[in-house]
Amino acid sequence: MQVELLKLFQYDLPEKQLTEIKNMLATYFAKTAADEMDRLWDENGWDNDTMKEWANERMRKS
């Protein structure tokens, strides 16, 4: 993938196209992360109460 992205730099792409490519990549990785979280959410039976518990946990040691 890195090689394919580097190949893009041989062209003098307008800033607008570079921005579109960055947005496509960001959207792809955000969707991948969201899909994985959905899978974990379902697999582990998490719910809103689980998230509230996590938000209130103290992870630091005194």
Protein backbone atom coordinates (compact mmCIF):
# COMPACT_ATOMS: atom_id res chain seq x y z
CA MET A 1 0.00 0.00 0.00
CA GLN A 2 2.82 2.38 0.87
CA VAL A 3 4.41 1.80 -2.52
CA GLU A 4 1.15 2.53 -4.30
CA LEU A 5 0.73 5.76 -2.34
CA LEU A 6 4.30 6.78 -3.13
CA LYS A 7 3.61 6.24 -6.83
CA LEU A 8 0.99 8.99 -6.61
CA PHE A 9 3.73 11.51 -5.84
CA GLN A 10 5.23 11.09 -9.31
CA TYR A 11 2.25 13.03 -10.62
CA ASP A 12 1.71 16.72 -10.04
CA LEU A 13 -1.69 16.32 -8.45
CA PRO A 14 -3.70 19.41 -7.59
CA GLU A 15 -4.15 20.11 -3.89
CA LYS A 16 -7.87 19.34 -4.22
CA GLN A 17 -7.12 15.78 -5.39
CA LEU A 18 -4.59 15.24 -2.61
CA THR A 19 -7.19 16.38 -0.10
CA GLU A 20 -9.75 14.00 -1.61
CA ILE A 21 -7.28 11.10 -1.35
CA LYS A 22 -6.56 11.96 2.29
CA ASN A 23 -10.28 12.09 3.01
CA MET A 24 -10.86 8.71 1.31
CA LEU A 25 -8.11 7.13 3.39
CA ALA A 26 -9.40 8.71 6.60
CA THR A 27 -12.94 7.51 5.84
CA TYR A 28 -11.71 4.00 5.10
CA PHE A 29 -9.73 3.70 8.34
CA ALA A 30 -12.51 5.28 10.42
CA LYS A 31 -15.03 2.80 9.00
CA THR A 32 -12.66 -0.10 9.65
CA ALA A 33 -12.24 0.98 13.28
CA ALA A 34 -16.00 1.50 13.73
CA ASP A 35 -16.76 -1.93 12.24
CA GLU A 36 -14.29 -3.55 14.63
CA MET A 37 -15.81 -1.71 17.61
CA ASP A 38 -19.28 -2.86 16.52
CA ARG A 39 -17.99 -6.45 16.35
CA LEU A 40 -16.44 -6.21 19.83
CA TRP A 41 -19.55 -4.50 21.22
CA ASP A 42 -21.76 -7.37 19.98
CA GLU A 43 -19.29 -10.15 20.83
CA ASN A 44 -18.83 -8.96 24.42
CA GLY A 45 -22.40 -7.88 25.13
CA TRP A 46 -21.35 -4.33 25.93
CA ASP A 47 -24.01 -1.64 26.37
CA ASN A 48 -24.26 2.01 27.37
CA ASP A 49 -23.89 1.05 31.03
CA THR A 50 -20.55 -0.60 30.19
CA MET A 51 -19.34 2.63 28.62
CA LYS A 52 -20.46 4.66 31.65
CA GLU A 53 -18.60 2.28 33.96
CA TRP A 54 -15.44 2.63 31.88
CA ALA A 55 -15.74 6.41 31.84
CA ASN A 56 -15.83 6.45 35.64
CA GLU A 57 -12.99 3.97 36.23
CA ARG A 58 -9.84 5.20 37.91
CA MET A 59 -6.88 3.61 36.18
CA ARG A 60 -4.07 5.44 37.98
CA LYS A 61 -2.38 4.00 41.01
CA SER A 62 -1.82 6.28 43.95
